[in-house]
Amino acid sequence: MELNAWKAQLYDILVAADKLSGDDMSKMQHTLDMITSTVGELESIKDQMLEACPSTVDQEKVIGSKLEQLRNEYSKALEILPSGWFGG
């Protein structure tokens, strides 16, 4: 469930980023790439867990780490996006 929420937030950020000027977009590109990559990695882990249950503690640690990375990158994106452009 939490992964779906992050995917929805990623979509919101991508839509808002399309409205940014070139300078702001260049500042944000790395953050967008990191968020997209991390969501993809979490999708991959989810698919692996569906095939090979039960999950291990190591997988849970990786997932926790990736979710923390998403939170950090999402916060960076919010610092660049002008307030009021999305999320409400």
N, C-alpha and C. Protein backbone atom coordinates (compact mmCIF):
# COMPACT_ATOMS: atom_id res chain seq x y z
N MET A 1 0.81 -1.20 0.00
CA MET A 1 0.00 0.00 0.00
C MET A 1 0.86 1.26 0.00
N GLU A 2 1.88 1.28 0.84
CA GLU A 2 2.71 2.48 0.93
C GLU A 2 3.40 2.77 -0.40
N LEU A 3 3.76 1.73 -1.13
CA LEU A 3 4.40 1.93 -2.43
C LEU A 3 3.46 2.64 -3.40
N ASN A 4 2.19 2.27 -3.38
CA ASN A 4 1.22 2.95 -4.25
C ASN A 4 1.10 4.43 -3.89
N ALA A 5 1.15 4.74 -2.61
CA ALA A 5 1.08 6.15 -2.19
C ALA A 5 2.30 6.91 -2.70
N TRP A 6 3.48 6.29 -2.64
CA TRP A 6 4.68 6.95 -3.14
C TRP A 6 4.62 7.14 -4.65
N LYS A 7 4.06 6.16 -5.35
CA LYS A 7 3.92 6.30 -6.80
C LYS A 7 2.98 7.46 -7.14
N ALA A 8 1.94 7.63 -6.36
CA ALA A 8 1.02 8.75 -6.58
C ALA A 8 1.73 10.08 -6.33
N GLN A 9 2.54 10.14 -5.28
CA GLN A 9 3.28 11.37 -4.99
C GLN A 9 4.31 11.65 -6.08
N LEU A 10 4.94 10.60 -6.60
CA LEU A 10 5.88 10.77 -7.69
C LEU A 10 5.17 11.37 -8.90
N TYR A 11 4.00 10.87 -9.20
CA TYR A 11 3.23 11.41 -10.33
C TYR A 11 2.94 12.90 -10.11
N ASP A 12 2.52 13.26 -8.90
CA ASP A 12 2.24 14.67 -8.60
C ASP A 12 3.47 15.54 -8.82
N ILE A 13 4.62 15.05 -8.38
CA ILE A 13 5.86 15.81 -8.55
C ILE A 13 6.22 15.95 -10.02
N LEU A 14 6.07 14.86 -10.78
CA LEU A 14 6.39 14.92 -12.21
C LEU A 14 5.50 15.92 -12.95
N VAL A 15 4.22 15.93 -12.60
CA VAL A 15 3.29 16.88 -13.22
C VAL A 15 3.69 18.31 -12.86
N ALA A 16 3.99 18.55 -11.60
CA ALA A 16 4.38 19.89 -11.16
C ALA A 16 5.72 20.30 -11.78
N ALA A 17 6.64 19.35 -11.92
CA ALA A 17 7.96 19.66 -12.47
C ALA A 17 7.87 20.08 -13.93
N ASP A 18 6.89 19.59 -14.65
CA ASP A 18 6.70 19.98 -16.05
C ASP A 18 6.46 21.48 -16.19
N LYS A 19 6.00 22.12 -15.14
CA LYS A 19 5.68 23.55 -15.18
C LYS A 19 6.86 24.43 -14.77
N LEU A 20 7.96 23.81 -14.36
CA LEU A 20 9.11 24.58 -13.88
C LEU A 20 9.89 25.21 -15.03
N SER A 21 10.60 26.29 -14.70
CA SER A 21 11.49 26.91 -15.67
C SER A 21 12.71 26.01 -15.87
N GLY A 22 13.49 26.29 -16.88
CA GLY A 22 14.67 25.48 -17.18
C GLY A 22 15.65 25.39 -16.02
N ASP A 23 15.91 26.52 -15.34
CA ASP A 23 16.85 26.52 -14.22
C ASP A 23 16.35 25.67 -13.06
N ASP A 24 15.09 25.86 -12.70
CA ASP A 24 14.52 25.08 -11.60
C ASP A 24 14.46 23.60 -11.97
N MET A 25 14.13 23.31 -13.22
CA MET A 25 14.05 21.92 -13.65
C MET A 25 15.43 21.26 -13.60
N SER A 26 16.47 21.99 -13.98
CA SER A 26 17.81 21.41 -13.93
C SER A 26 18.24 21.15 -12.49
N LYS A 27 17.82 22.00 -11.56
CA LYS A 27 18.11 21.77 -10.14
C LYS A 27 17.42 20.51 -9.64
N MET A 28 16.27 20.23 -10.20
CA MET A 28 15.44 19.15 -9.70
C MET A 28 15.65 17.82 -10.42
N GLN A 29 16.32 17.81 -11.55
CA GLN A 29 16.42 16.61 -12.37
C GLN A 29 17.03 15.43 -11.61
N HIS A 30 18.12 15.68 -10.87
CA HIS A 30 18.75 14.59 -10.11
C HIS A 30 17.78 14.01 -9.09
N THR A 31 17.06 14.87 -8.40
CA THR A 31 16.09 14.42 -7.41
C THR A 31 15.00 13.59 -8.06
N LEU A 32 14.50 14.04 -9.20
CA LEU A 32 13.47 13.27 -9.92
C LEU A 32 14.01 11.91 -10.34
N ASP A 33 15.25 11.88 -10.83
CA ASP A 33 15.85 10.61 -11.23
C ASP A 33 15.99 9.67 -10.04
N MET A 34 16.40 10.21 -8.89
CA MET A 34 16.56 9.38 -7.69
C MET A 34 15.22 8.82 -7.22
N ILE A 35 14.19 9.65 -7.21
CA ILE A 35 12.87 9.20 -6.77
C ILE A 35 12.35 8.11 -7.71
N THR A 36 12.46 8.34 -9.01
CA THR A 36 11.99 7.37 -10.00
C THR A 36 12.75 6.05 -9.86
N SER A 37 14.05 6.13 -9.70
CA SER A 37 14.88 4.93 -9.55
C SER A 37 14.52 4.16 -8.28
N THR A 38 14.35 4.87 -7.19
CA THR A 38 14.04 4.22 -5.92
C THR A 38 12.67 3.54 -5.97
N VAL A 39 11.69 4.18 -6.57
CA VAL A 39 10.37 3.56 -6.73
C VAL A 39 10.50 2.29 -7.56
N GLY A 40 11.31 2.33 -8.62
CA GLY A 40 11.54 1.15 -9.45
C GLY A 40 12.19 0.02 -8.67
N GLU A 41 13.17 0.36 -7.83
CA GLU A 41 13.83 -0.64 -7.00
C GLU A 41 12.85 -1.28 -6.02
N LEU A 42 11.99 -0.47 -5.44
CA LEU A 42 10.98 -1.01 -4.52
C LEU A 42 10.00 -1.91 -5.25
N GLU A 43 9.62 -1.56 -6.46
CA GLU A 43 8.75 -2.42 -7.27
C GLU A 43 9.41 -3.77 -7.50
N SER A 44 10.69 -3.76 -7.80
CA SER A 44 11.43 -4.99 -8.05
C SER A 44 11.48 -5.86 -6.80
N ILE A 45 11.75 -5.25 -5.65
CA ILE A 45 11.78 -5.99 -4.39
C ILE A 45 10.41 -6.57 -4.09
N LYS A 46 9.36 -5.78 -4.32
CA LYS A 46 8.00 -6.26 -4.10
C LYS A 46 7.71 -7.49 -4.96
N ASP A 47 8.10 -7.43 -6.23
CA ASP A 47 7.88 -8.56 -7.12
C ASP A 47 8.64 -9.80 -6.66
N GLN A 48 9.88 -9.61 -6.21
CA GLN A 48 10.67 -10.73 -5.69
C GLN A 48 10.00 -11.34 -4.47
N MET A 49 9.47 -10.49 -3.60
CA MET A 49 8.84 -10.99 -2.38
C MET A 49 7.57 -11.76 -2.69
N LEU A 50 6.85 -11.38 -3.73
CA LEU A 50 5.64 -12.11 -4.11
C LEU A 50 5.97 -13.51 -4.59
N GLU A 51 7.14 -13.66 -5.24
CA GLU A 51 7.55 -14.96 -5.76
C GLU A 51 8.17 -15.84 -4.68
N ALA A 52 8.89 -15.26 -3.76
CA ALA A 52 9.65 -16.04 -2.79
C ALA A 52 9.32 -15.62 -1.37
N CYS A 53 8.13 -15.92 -0.95
CA CYS A 53 7.72 -15.61 0.40
C CYS A 53 8.20 -16.73 1.31
N PRO A 54 8.52 -16.57 2.52
CA PRO A 54 8.42 -15.33 3.29
C PRO A 54 9.63 -14.43 3.07
N SER A 55 9.42 -13.18 3.36
CA SER A 55 10.51 -12.22 3.21
C SER A 55 11.50 -12.40 4.35
N THR A 56 12.71 -11.95 4.11
CA THR A 56 13.73 -12.05 5.14
C THR A 56 13.89 -10.69 5.82
N VAL A 57 14.57 -10.72 6.94
CA VAL A 57 14.83 -9.48 7.66
C VAL A 57 15.68 -8.55 6.79
N ASP A 58 16.59 -9.13 6.01
CA ASP A 58 17.42 -8.31 5.13
C ASP A 58 16.58 -7.56 4.11
N GLN A 59 15.57 -8.22 3.53
CA GLN A 59 14.69 -7.55 2.58
C GLN A 59 13.92 -6.43 3.26
N GLU A 60 13.48 -6.66 4.48
CA GLU A 60 12.75 -5.62 5.20
C GLU A 60 13.65 -4.42 5.48
N LYS A 61 14.92 -4.67 5.78
CA LYS A 61 15.86 -3.57 6.00
C LYS A 61 16.08 -2.77 4.72
N VAL A 62 16.18 -3.47 3.60
CA VAL A 62 16.37 -2.79 2.31
C VAL A 62 15.15 -1.93 2.01
N ILE A 63 13.97 -2.47 2.22
CA ILE A 63 12.74 -1.72 1.98
C ILE A 63 12.69 -0.48 2.87
N GLY A 64 12.99 -0.65 4.14
CA GLY A 64 13.01 0.49 5.06
C GLY A 64 13.99 1.56 4.62
N SER A 65 15.15 1.13 4.16
CA SER A 65 16.17 2.06 3.68
C SER A 65 15.69 2.81 2.43
N LYS A 66 15.05 2.09 1.52
CA LYS A 66 14.56 2.71 0.28
C LYS A 66 13.42 3.70 0.58
N LEU A 67 12.56 3.36 1.51
CA LEU A 67 11.48 4.28 1.88
C LEU A 67 12.04 5.55 2.52
N GLU A 68 13.08 5.41 3.32
CA GLU A 68 13.73 6.58 3.91
C GLU A 68 14.36 7.44 2.81
N GLN A 69 14.97 6.79 1.83
CA GLN A 69 15.56 7.52 0.71
C GLN A 69 14.47 8.28 -0.05
N LEU A 70 13.32 7.65 -0.25
CA LEU A 70 12.20 8.32 -0.91
C LEU A 70 11.76 9.56 -0.14
N ARG A 71 11.65 9.43 1.18
CA ARG A 71 11.24 10.57 2.00
C ARG A 71 12.22 11.74 1.84
N ASN A 72 13.52 11.42 1.85
CA ASN A 72 14.54 12.46 1.72
C ASN A 72 14.48 13.14 0.35
N GLU A 73 14.39 12.35 -0.71
CA GLU A 73 14.35 12.92 -2.06
C GLU A 73 13.06 13.70 -2.29
N TYR A 74 11.97 13.22 -1.74
CA TYR A 74 10.69 13.91 -1.86
C TYR A 74 10.77 15.28 -1.18
N SER A 75 11.40 15.32 -0.01
CA SER A 75 11.58 16.60 0.70
C SER A 75 12.42 17.57 -0.12
N LYS A 76 13.46 17.05 -0.78
CA LYS A 76 14.29 17.90 -1.64
C LYS A 76 13.46 18.47 -2.79
N ALA A 77 12.61 17.64 -3.37
CA ALA A 77 11.76 18.10 -4.47
C ALA A 77 10.83 19.21 -4.01
N LEU A 78 10.28 19.06 -2.82
CA LEU A 78 9.36 20.07 -2.30
C LEU A 78 10.05 21.40 -2.05
N GLU A 79 11.36 21.36 -1.76
CA GLU A 79 12.11 22.59 -1.55
C GLU A 79 12.26 23.38 -2.86
N ILE A 80 12.25 22.68 -3.99
CA ILE A 80 12.45 23.33 -5.29
C ILE A 80 11.13 23.79 -5.89
N LEU A 81 10.08 22.99 -5.72
CA LEU A 81 8.78 23.33 -6.31
C LEU A 81 8.17 24.54 -5.60
N PRO A 82 7.64 25.48 -6.36
CA PRO A 82 6.95 26.62 -5.73
C PRO A 82 5.73 26.13 -4.95
N SER A 83 5.49 26.75 -3.82
CA SER A 83 4.33 26.34 -3.02
C SER A 83 3.05 26.59 -3.79
N GLY A 84 2.08 25.73 -3.58
CA GLY A 84 0.79 25.88 -4.23
C GLY A 84 0.70 25.25 -5.60
N TRP A 85 1.78 24.65 -6.10
CA TRP A 85 1.74 24.05 -7.43
C TRP A 85 1.15 22.66 -7.42
N PHE A 86 1.19 22.00 -6.29
CA PHE A 86 0.60 20.67 -6.21
C PHE A 86 0.44 20.28 -4.75
N GLY A 87 -0.22 19.13 -4.56
CA GLY A 87 -0.33 18.55 -3.23
C GLY A 87 -1.50 19.06 -2.43
N GLY A 88 -2.47 19.63 -3.05
CA GLY A 88 -3.57 20.09 -2.24
C GLY A 88 -4.78 20.47 -2.96
